[in-house]
Protein backbone atom coordinates (compact mmCIF):
# COMPACT_ATOMS: atom_id res chain seq x y z
CA MET A 1 31.27 -38.26 -13.56
CA TRP A 2 28.63 -40.42 -15.51
CA ALA A 3 27.05 -41.22 -11.93
CA ALA A 4 26.70 -37.08 -11.45
CA SER A 5 25.46 -36.47 -14.33
CA CYS A 6 22.75 -39.44 -14.22
CA LEU A 7 21.77 -37.65 -10.49
CA ALA A 8 21.84 -34.28 -12.29
CA SER A 9 19.49 -35.56 -14.45
CA CYS A 10 17.12 -37.27 -12.19
CA CYS A 11 17.24 -34.07 -9.74
CA ALA A 12 16.15 -31.97 -13.03
CA ALA A 13 13.34 -34.55 -13.81
CA CYS A 14 12.22 -34.73 -10.21
CA ALA A 15 12.32 -30.90 -9.64
CA CYS A 16 10.24 -30.89 -12.99
CA ASP A 17 7.68 -33.32 -12.48
CA ALA A 18 7.02 -31.34 -9.00
CA CYS A 19 6.67 -28.22 -10.66
CA ARG A 20 3.95 -29.50 -13.16
CA THR A 21 2.04 -31.68 -10.42
CA VAL A 22 1.66 -28.41 -8.27
CA VAL A 23 1.09 -26.13 -11.28
CA SER A 24 -1.73 -28.41 -12.78
CA GLY A 25 -3.04 -28.90 -9.08
CA ILE A 26 -4.70 -24.99 -9.48
CA SER A 27 -7.91 -25.77 -9.83
CA ARG A 28 -10.45 -23.12 -10.78
CA ARG A 29 -11.48 -22.17 -7.01
CA SER A 30 -7.75 -21.42 -6.40
CA ALA A 31 -6.95 -19.97 -9.59
CA ARG A 32 -7.48 -15.83 -7.89
CA ILE A 33 -4.68 -17.05 -5.09
CA ALA A 34 -2.51 -18.33 -7.66
CA TYR A 35 -2.32 -14.83 -9.23
CA CYS A 36 -1.81 -13.29 -5.88
CA GLY A 37 0.87 -15.83 -5.00
CA LEU A 38 2.55 -15.04 -8.49
CA PHE A 39 2.08 -11.12 -7.39
CA ALA A 40 3.86 -11.94 -4.08
CA LEU A 41 6.68 -13.46 -6.32
CA SER A 42 7.12 -10.47 -8.12
CA LEU A 43 7.39 -8.13 -4.60
CA ILE A 44 9.90 -10.77 -3.55
CA VAL A 45 12.26 -10.49 -6.72
CA SER A 46 11.91 -6.84 -6.98
CA TRP A 47 13.47 -6.36 -3.13
CA ILE A 48 15.77 -8.71 -3.58
CA LEU A 49 17.19 -7.72 -6.98
CA ARG A 50 16.86 -3.86 -5.22
CA GLU A 51 19.67 -5.21 -3.03
CA VAL A 52 21.77 -7.09 -5.22
CA ALA A 53 21.49 -6.37 -9.00
CA ALA A 54 23.41 -2.51 -8.77
CA PRO A 55 27.04 -4.14 -9.47
CA LEU A 56 25.80 -5.87 -12.24
CA MET A 57 23.37 -3.48 -14.22
CA GLU A 58 26.55 -1.15 -13.60
CA LYS A 59 28.11 -3.39 -16.15
CA LEU A 60 25.43 -3.16 -18.86
CA PRO A 61 26.49 -1.03 -21.64
CA TRP A 62 22.75 -0.33 -22.38
CA ILE A 63 21.84 0.69 -18.67
CA ASN A 64 24.78 2.42 -18.00
CA THR A 65 24.96 4.78 -20.52
CA PHE A 66 26.12 8.06 -18.40
CA LYS A 67 29.48 9.35 -18.46
CA LYS A 68 29.80 10.14 -14.91
CA VAL A 69 28.35 6.70 -13.33
CA PRO A 70 25.11 7.47 -11.20
CA SER A 71 24.87 6.41 -7.58
CA ARG A 72 24.33 2.49 -6.44
CA GLU A 73 20.70 3.56 -5.68
CA TRP A 74 19.95 5.09 -8.92
CA PHE A 75 20.34 1.30 -10.33
CA GLU A 76 18.56 -0.33 -7.58
CA THR A 77 15.26 1.85 -8.13
CA ASP A 78 15.94 1.17 -11.88
CA ALA A 79 15.96 -3.03 -10.91
CA VAL A 80 12.80 -2.53 -9.17
CA LEU A 81 10.71 -0.31 -12.04
CA ARG A 82 12.15 -3.00 -14.76
CA VAL A 83 10.53 -5.66 -12.87
CA SER A 84 7.25 -3.57 -12.64
CA LEU A 85 7.02 -3.05 -15.86
CA GLY A 86 6.95 -6.88 -16.64
CA ASN A 87 4.68 -7.52 -14.35
CA PHE A 88 2.33 -4.53 -15.11
CA LEU A 89 2.68 -5.99 -18.85
CA PHE A 90 1.80 -9.38 -18.07
CA PHE A 91 -1.37 -8.75 -16.17
CA SER A 92 -2.29 -6.19 -19.02
CA ILE A 93 -1.53 -8.80 -21.51
CA LEU A 94 -3.98 -11.15 -19.80
CA SER A 95 -6.58 -8.32 -19.01
CA PHE A 96 -7.35 -7.46 -22.83
CA MET A 97 -7.50 -10.96 -23.72
CA MET A 98 -10.11 -11.44 -20.88
CA VAL A 99 -12.34 -8.88 -22.23
CA GLY A 100 -15.91 -9.62 -23.04
CA VAL A 101 -15.55 -13.14 -21.16
CA LYS A 102 -19.21 -13.79 -19.91
CA THR A 103 -19.93 -17.29 -19.55
CA GLN A 104 -17.28 -20.16 -18.27
CA LYS A 105 -18.25 -21.58 -22.13
CA ASP A 106 -15.72 -19.24 -23.31
CA PRO A 107 -12.53 -20.81 -24.42
CA ARG A 108 -11.13 -17.77 -22.72
CA ASP A 109 -12.42 -18.92 -19.57
CA ASN A 110 -9.86 -21.56 -19.69
CA ILE A 111 -6.90 -19.46 -20.21
CA HIS A 112 -7.82 -17.33 -16.99
CA HIS A 113 -7.93 -20.79 -15.02
CA GLY A 114 -5.49 -23.02 -16.77
CA GLY A 115 -1.82 -22.94 -18.38
CA TRP A 116 -0.09 -21.92 -15.29
CA MET A 117 3.23 -23.36 -16.36
CA MET A 118 3.24 -21.20 -19.69
CA LYS A 119 1.99 -18.36 -17.61
CA ILE A 120 4.82 -18.40 -15.37
CA ILE A 121 7.42 -19.18 -17.90
CA CYS A 122 5.70 -15.79 -19.93
CA TRP A 123 6.13 -13.71 -16.92
CA CYS A 124 9.84 -15.02 -16.23
CA LEU A 125 10.72 -14.13 -20.65
CA LEU A 126 9.02 -10.69 -19.48
CA VAL A 127 10.70 -9.73 -16.69
CA ILE A 128 14.14 -10.85 -18.21
CA PHE A 129 13.40 -8.56 -21.52
CA MET A 130 12.80 -5.46 -19.47
CA PHE A 131 16.22 -5.30 -18.48
CA PHE A 132 17.06 -4.81 -22.30
CA LEU A 133 14.88 -1.67 -22.90
CA PRO A 134 16.48 2.06 -22.92
CA ASN A 135 16.28 3.68 -20.00
CA GLU A 136 14.00 6.24 -21.29
CA ILE A 137 11.16 3.04 -21.53
CA ILE A 138 11.62 3.18 -18.09
CA SER A 139 11.16 6.91 -16.98
CA PHE A 140 8.17 6.95 -18.92
CA TYR A 141 6.96 3.66 -17.07
CA GLU A 142 7.82 5.92 -13.54
CA SER A 143 6.34 8.87 -14.86
CA ILE A 144 2.76 7.00 -15.21
CA SER A 145 3.15 5.13 -12.61
CA LYS A 146 2.21 7.78 -10.37
CA PHE A 147 -1.26 8.14 -11.79
CA GLY A 148 -1.60 4.67 -12.12
CA SER A 149 -0.74 4.18 -8.06
CA GLY A 150 -3.12 6.92 -7.63
CA PHE A 151 -6.11 5.08 -9.57
CA PHE A 152 -5.26 2.08 -7.08
CA LEU A 153 -5.52 4.33 -4.30
CA LEU A 154 -8.93 5.19 -5.05
CA ILE A 155 -10.28 1.75 -5.84
CA GLN A 156 -8.86 0.77 -2.23
CA VAL A 157 -10.96 3.78 -0.91
CA VAL A 158 -14.28 2.47 -2.63
CA LEU A 159 -14.09 -0.77 -1.51
CA LEU A 160 -13.38 -0.01 1.87
CA LEU A 161 -16.41 2.05 2.10
CA ASP A 162 -18.14 -0.69 0.76
CA PHE A 163 -16.64 -3.26 3.23
CA VAL A 164 -17.80 -1.30 6.34
CA HIS A 165 -20.80 -0.10 4.82
CA GLY A 166 -21.67 -3.96 4.44
CA TRP A 167 -20.55 -5.09 7.32
CA ASN A 168 -22.45 -2.65 9.35
CA ASP A 169 -25.94 -3.26 7.06
CA LYS A 170 -25.01 -7.21 7.89
CA TRP A 171 -24.90 -6.91 11.79
CA VAL A 172 -27.96 -4.71 11.69
CA GLY A 173 -30.14 -6.95 9.84
CA TYR A 174 -29.34 -9.65 12.44
CA ASP A 175 -32.12 -7.53 13.89
CA GLU A 176 -30.82 -9.43 18.22
CA GLN A 177 -29.38 -6.95 21.03
CA PHE A 178 -26.24 -9.18 20.93
CA TRP A 179 -25.42 -7.84 17.42
CA TYR A 180 -26.00 -3.80 18.47
CA ILE A 181 -23.98 -4.10 21.59
CA ALA A 182 -21.19 -5.40 19.40
CA LEU A 183 -21.65 -2.48 16.74
CA PHE A 184 -21.06 -0.23 19.68
CA VAL A 185 -17.97 -2.12 21.46
CA VAL A 186 -16.43 -2.14 17.88
CA SER A 187 -17.15 1.34 17.35
CA LEU A 188 -15.83 2.48 20.62
CA VAL A 189 -12.82 0.56 20.19
CA CYS A 190 -11.89 2.28 16.85
CA TYR A 191 -12.55 5.49 18.37
CA VAL A 192 -10.48 4.88 21.12
CA ALA A 193 -7.63 3.94 19.04
CA THR A 194 -8.06 6.78 16.90
CA PHE A 195 -7.75 9.43 19.25
CA ALA A 196 -4.97 7.52 21.28
CA PHE A 197 -3.15 7.15 17.61
CA SER A 198 -3.77 11.27 17.32
CA GLY A 199 -2.07 11.54 20.68
CA LEU A 200 1.07 9.74 19.60
CA LEU A 201 1.13 11.59 16.38
CA PHE A 202 1.41 14.79 18.24
CA HIS A 203 4.14 13.58 20.57
CA PHE A 204 6.71 11.94 18.31
CA PHE A 205 5.95 14.81 14.74
CA THR A 206 5.59 17.91 17.09
CA PRO A 207 8.42 18.01 18.82
CA SER A 208 8.43 20.97 21.33
CA GLY A 209 10.99 23.90 20.43
CA GLN A 210 10.12 23.41 16.46
CA ASP A 211 8.18 25.05 14.12
CA CYS A 212 5.52 22.20 13.02
CA GLY A 213 2.39 23.85 11.59
CA LEU A 214 2.20 21.46 8.81
CA ASN A 215 2.05 18.55 10.66
CA THR A 216 0.10 20.04 13.00
CA PHE A 217 -2.54 20.97 10.43
CA PHE A 218 -2.51 17.03 9.07
CA ILE A 219 -3.05 15.48 12.67
CA VAL A 220 -6.01 18.99 13.44
CA MET A 221 -7.52 18.16 9.90
CA THR A 222 -7.98 14.19 10.75
CA LEU A 223 -9.34 14.50 13.86
CA ILE A 224 -11.97 17.09 12.56
CA CYS A 225 -12.64 14.81 10.06
CA ALA A 226 -13.50 12.19 12.84
CA PHE A 227 -15.95 14.40 14.16
CA VAL A 228 -17.77 15.62 11.03
CA PHE A 229 -18.04 11.52 10.18
CA ALA A 230 -19.81 11.15 13.67
CA ILE A 231 -21.72 13.99 13.36
CA VAL A 232 -22.96 13.51 9.89
CA ALA A 233 -23.73 9.85 10.26
CA LEU A 234 -25.97 10.16 13.53
CA HIS A 235 -27.76 13.00 11.59
CA PRO A 236 -31.75 12.22 11.96
CA ALA A 237 -31.91 12.88 8.29
CA ILE A 238 -28.72 10.80 7.30
CA ASN A 239 -30.29 7.99 9.96
CA GLY A 240 -26.86 6.33 9.32
CA SER A 241 -24.73 4.23 11.96
CA ILE A 242 -21.44 4.60 14.08
CA LEU A 243 -19.60 1.70 13.00
CA PRO A 244 -18.65 3.07 9.31
CA ALA A 245 -17.41 6.58 10.71
CA SER A 246 -15.57 4.95 13.40
CA VAL A 247 -13.68 2.58 10.97
CA ILE A 248 -13.35 5.32 8.45
CA SER A 249 -11.86 7.49 11.21
CA MET A 250 -8.99 5.13 12.06
CA TYR A 251 -8.25 4.58 8.69
CA CYS A 252 -7.75 8.18 7.97
CA MET A 253 -5.75 8.52 11.00
CA TYR A 254 -3.70 5.35 10.07
CA LEU A 255 -3.18 7.37 6.42
CA CYS A 256 -2.09 10.54 8.38
CA TYR A 257 0.41 8.75 10.39
CA SER A 258 1.82 6.76 7.51
CA GLY A 259 2.28 10.14 6.04
CA LEU A 260 4.05 12.00 8.58
CA ALA A 261 6.21 8.77 8.97
CA SER A 262 7.37 9.35 5.48
CA GLU A 263 8.50 12.47 6.00
CA PRO A 264 12.50 12.93 5.05
CA ARG A 265 14.57 11.46 7.87
CA ASP A 266 16.49 14.92 8.52
CA TYR A 267 13.40 17.33 8.84
CA GLU A 268 13.14 18.42 12.34
CA CYS A 269 9.53 17.45 12.79
CA ASN A 270 9.71 14.04 11.94
CA GLY A 271 10.72 12.31 15.43
CA LEU A 272 11.29 9.19 14.18
CA HIS A 273 14.48 10.65 12.03
CA LYS A 274 16.71 9.06 15.57
CA HIS A 275 15.23 5.58 14.38
CA SER A 276 16.29 6.24 10.27
CA LYS A 277 17.23 2.64 9.56
CA ALA A 278 14.78 0.23 11.67
CA VAL A 279 11.72 2.69 10.76
CA SER A 280 12.32 2.58 7.34
CA THR A 281 13.07 -1.63 6.99
CA SER A 282 10.13 -1.94 9.21
CA THR A 283 8.04 0.38 7.66
CA MET A 284 8.70 -1.05 3.58
CA THR A 285 8.14 -4.33 5.21
CA LEU A 286 4.78 -3.33 6.66
CA GLY A 287 3.79 -1.34 3.56
CA LEU A 288 4.37 -4.43 1.09
CA LEU A 289 2.45 -6.86 3.28
CA THR A 290 -0.48 -3.98 3.38
CA THR A 291 0.19 -4.17 -0.13
CA VAL A 292 -0.13 -7.79 -0.67
CA LEU A 293 -3.16 -8.19 1.31
CA SER A 294 -4.97 -5.31 0.04
CA VAL A 295 -4.15 -5.98 -3.43
CA VAL A 296 -5.64 -10.19 -2.80
CA TYR A 297 -8.92 -8.43 -1.23
CA SER A 298 -9.01 -5.78 -4.23
CA ALA A 299 -8.93 -8.07 -7.08
CA VAL A 300 -11.30 -11.05 -5.28
CA ARG A 301 -13.98 -8.39 -4.50
CA ALA A 302 -13.58 -5.33 -7.20
CA GLY A 303 -13.97 -8.38 -9.99
CA SER A 304 -16.75 -10.05 -8.06
CA SER A 305 -18.95 -6.77 -7.67
CA THR A 306 -18.21 -5.33 -11.37
CA THR A 307 -21.56 -5.87 -12.66
CA LEU A 308 -21.01 -3.19 -15.22
CA LEU A 309 -18.44 -5.07 -17.11
CA SER A 310 -20.06 -8.39 -16.99
CA PRO A 311 -23.82 -7.60 -17.47
CA PRO A 312 -26.24 -10.14 -17.10
CA SER A 313 -27.02 -10.13 -21.43
CA SER A 314 -24.65 -14.02 -21.78
CA PRO A 315 -26.29 -16.91 -23.29
CA ARG A 316 -27.93 -19.30 -20.59
CA ALA A 317 -28.05 -22.95 -20.23
CA GLY A 318 -31.27 -24.49 -21.73
CA ALA A 319 -31.74 -21.06 -23.81
CA GLY A 320 -32.05 -23.43 -26.87
CA LYS A 321 -32.42 -27.08 -27.10
CA PRO A 322 -29.84 -29.01 -28.85
CA LEU A 323 -30.56 -30.78 -32.36
CA LEU A 324 -29.84 -33.99 -30.63
CA PRO A 325 -30.23 -35.47 -27.77
CA LEU A 326 -27.56 -35.46 -24.85
CA ASP A 327 -27.23 -38.27 -21.87
CA LYS A 328 -27.27 -36.68 -18.63
CA VAL A 329 -23.88 -35.94 -18.23
CA ASP A 330 -23.12 -34.30 -21.37
CA GLU A 331 -25.98 -31.99 -20.28
CA HIS A 332 -24.94 -31.31 -16.69
CA GLU A 333 -21.36 -30.30 -18.29
CA GLU A 334 -22.75 -27.89 -21.13
CA LYS A 335 -24.73 -25.93 -18.53
CA GLU A 336 -21.93 -25.71 -15.77
CA LYS A 337 -20.14 -24.60 -18.91
CA SER A 338 -22.58 -21.96 -19.69
CA LYS A 339 -22.48 -20.57 -16.58
CA PRO A 340 -21.89 -17.03 -16.44
CA VAL A 341 -18.81 -16.20 -14.92
CA SER A 342 -18.46 -15.10 -11.24
CA TYR A 343 -16.33 -11.96 -11.80
CA SER A 344 -14.72 -9.44 -13.88
CA TYR A 345 -11.35 -11.66 -15.07
CA SER A 346 -10.24 -8.29 -17.40
CA PHE A 347 -10.85 -5.87 -14.37
CA PHE A 348 -9.55 -8.67 -11.95
CA HIS A 349 -6.16 -8.67 -13.66
CA ILE A 350 -6.54 -4.60 -14.41
CA ILE A 351 -6.50 -4.58 -10.34
CA PHE A 352 -2.81 -6.36 -10.26
CA SER A 353 -1.69 -4.04 -13.08
CA LEU A 354 -1.98 -1.16 -11.10
CA ALA A 355 -1.24 -2.56 -7.81
CA SER A 356 2.37 -3.86 -9.97
CA MET A 357 2.57 -0.16 -10.32
CA TYR A 358 1.55 1.29 -6.60
CA SER A 359 4.29 -1.44 -5.13
CA ALA A 360 7.26 0.25 -7.49
CA MET A 361 6.47 3.23 -6.27
CA LEU A 362 6.68 1.87 -2.08
CA LEU A 363 10.34 0.40 -3.14
CA THR A 364 10.99 3.86 -4.73
CA GLY A 365 9.71 6.06 -2.35
CA TRP A 366 7.48 7.73 -4.63
CA SER A 367 10.74 9.28 -6.39
CA THR A 368 11.96 10.76 -9.90
CA SER A 369 15.49 9.44 -9.67
CA VAL A 370 15.73 8.09 -13.43
CA GLY A 371 17.59 10.40 -15.26
CA GLU A 372 17.38 13.24 -13.03
CA SER A 373 18.67 12.92 -9.15
CA GLY A 374 20.54 9.49 -9.33
CA LYS A 375 19.49 8.96 -6.19
CA LEU A 376 16.66 6.67 -3.96
CA VAL A 377 15.26 8.00 -0.74
CA ASP A 378 12.59 5.73 0.83
CA VAL A 379 10.63 8.64 1.78
CA GLY A 380 10.24 11.98 1.01
CA TRP A 381 7.43 14.23 0.34
CA SER A 382 5.92 12.84 -2.68
CA SER A 383 4.99 10.35 -0.17
CA VAL A 384 3.77 12.30 2.17
CA TRP A 385 0.91 14.09 -0.05
CA VAL A 386 0.39 11.00 -1.47
CA ARG A 387 -0.84 9.67 1.94
CA ILE A 388 -2.26 12.81 2.99
CA VAL A 389 -4.30 13.50 -0.57
CA THR A 390 -5.54 9.79 -0.23
CA GLY A 391 -6.86 10.38 3.36
CA TRP A 392 -8.62 13.54 2.18
CA ALA A 393 -10.22 11.36 -0.55
CA THR A 394 -11.22 9.33 1.83
CA ALA A 395 -13.20 11.61 3.72
CA VAL A 396 -14.31 12.99 0.85
CA LEU A 397 -16.07 9.84 -0.52
CA TYR A 398 -17.09 8.70 2.77
CA ILE A 399 -19.36 11.68 3.16
CA TRP A 400 -20.76 11.86 -0.37
CA SER A 401 -21.85 8.18 0.35
CA LEU A 402 -23.67 9.59 3.16
CA LEU A 403 -25.24 12.70 1.46
CA ALA A 404 -25.99 10.92 -2.27
CA PRO A 405 -28.73 8.86 -0.99
CA ILE A 406 -30.29 12.20 0.52
CA MET A 407 -29.57 14.60 -2.76
CA PHE A 408 -31.06 12.18 -5.44
CA PRO A 409 -33.55 10.10 -3.97
CA ASP A 410 -34.80 8.88 -6.90
CA ARG A 411 -31.17 7.02 -7.50
CA GLU A 412 -30.07 3.75 -6.14
CA PHE A 413 -26.87 4.03 -4.30
């Protein structure tokens, strides 16, 4: 017994040392990756609790306050929302703490990049505490999550537009025949994929013998947008490029597919209903993976490109001479600390806060199950319209990005 106790103590000590070593190894360069890893962990925890936590939550009196016990799906939804709320609060608190950080000399810079053991402990405590909150708070959070998810999707669209325009400008900037050919090839592939994808959508979501006018409208509208993108981009007054038009066309067609695939499985125009369970699982897995990747890109790119939140008014190294002379090492360290931050820490964490809401909606099918229907539906009309409207918003923003410089030539876009 004594030997087993010693062995257990040694194992626990080794595990703590290993965790401490890993956490202390997170440097300034890898801090953003660590935040992304923590967000990915929250998704895994949400998914696991969604599958296994329902029987335990049914026994908690402050959660199961109903005269008639809801279905198992209600508790699965509630578990996901509670983890999401803890994640949202964690990143929101960090975002509030980082407001106004302009230089690396700010003490909060060390909080953003260090203290990982304490951050992980705080995150765990926040998530656990969420399971002691009343259902009314969770229901309210679910309601505002729909709006937060909409902001997250809007940010995704803006960043995608920024990416494709930057991609095009970079290749055109080389001013070599090879890169012009590469632009044409990539654009051609994107357009071929777009129209081939539309054919598959017509096959699966407009079956013969059924009145599927709504699905036909969605697909045709997306095809019209693809043609409009090309016409506007190639207009002599616009002097645009076909590459951004082709990439945005393919993305809009993907959003159309994502919306149609989210239609209820018993809807006669959903050709995927025969493979309900398999499609639902694969779609959710792909959606979670896409969410993690998009959050990584959004947090890094949006944070680094938000110049309005990080104005160049911070103190600079060497702006004033010290009262006492410093040696070269101290002077170098002082200059390093006085450097302006490379991205907005506050906006960086806002991205994760909104992504926490979006991931909850993804896992719960944008349902309004808490306190209402008592059922969880992985897909539904709410999810359909969110994705379709996102595609239309993408089209409007892309057209605006082409027309705005012509309509307002005195402004810089």
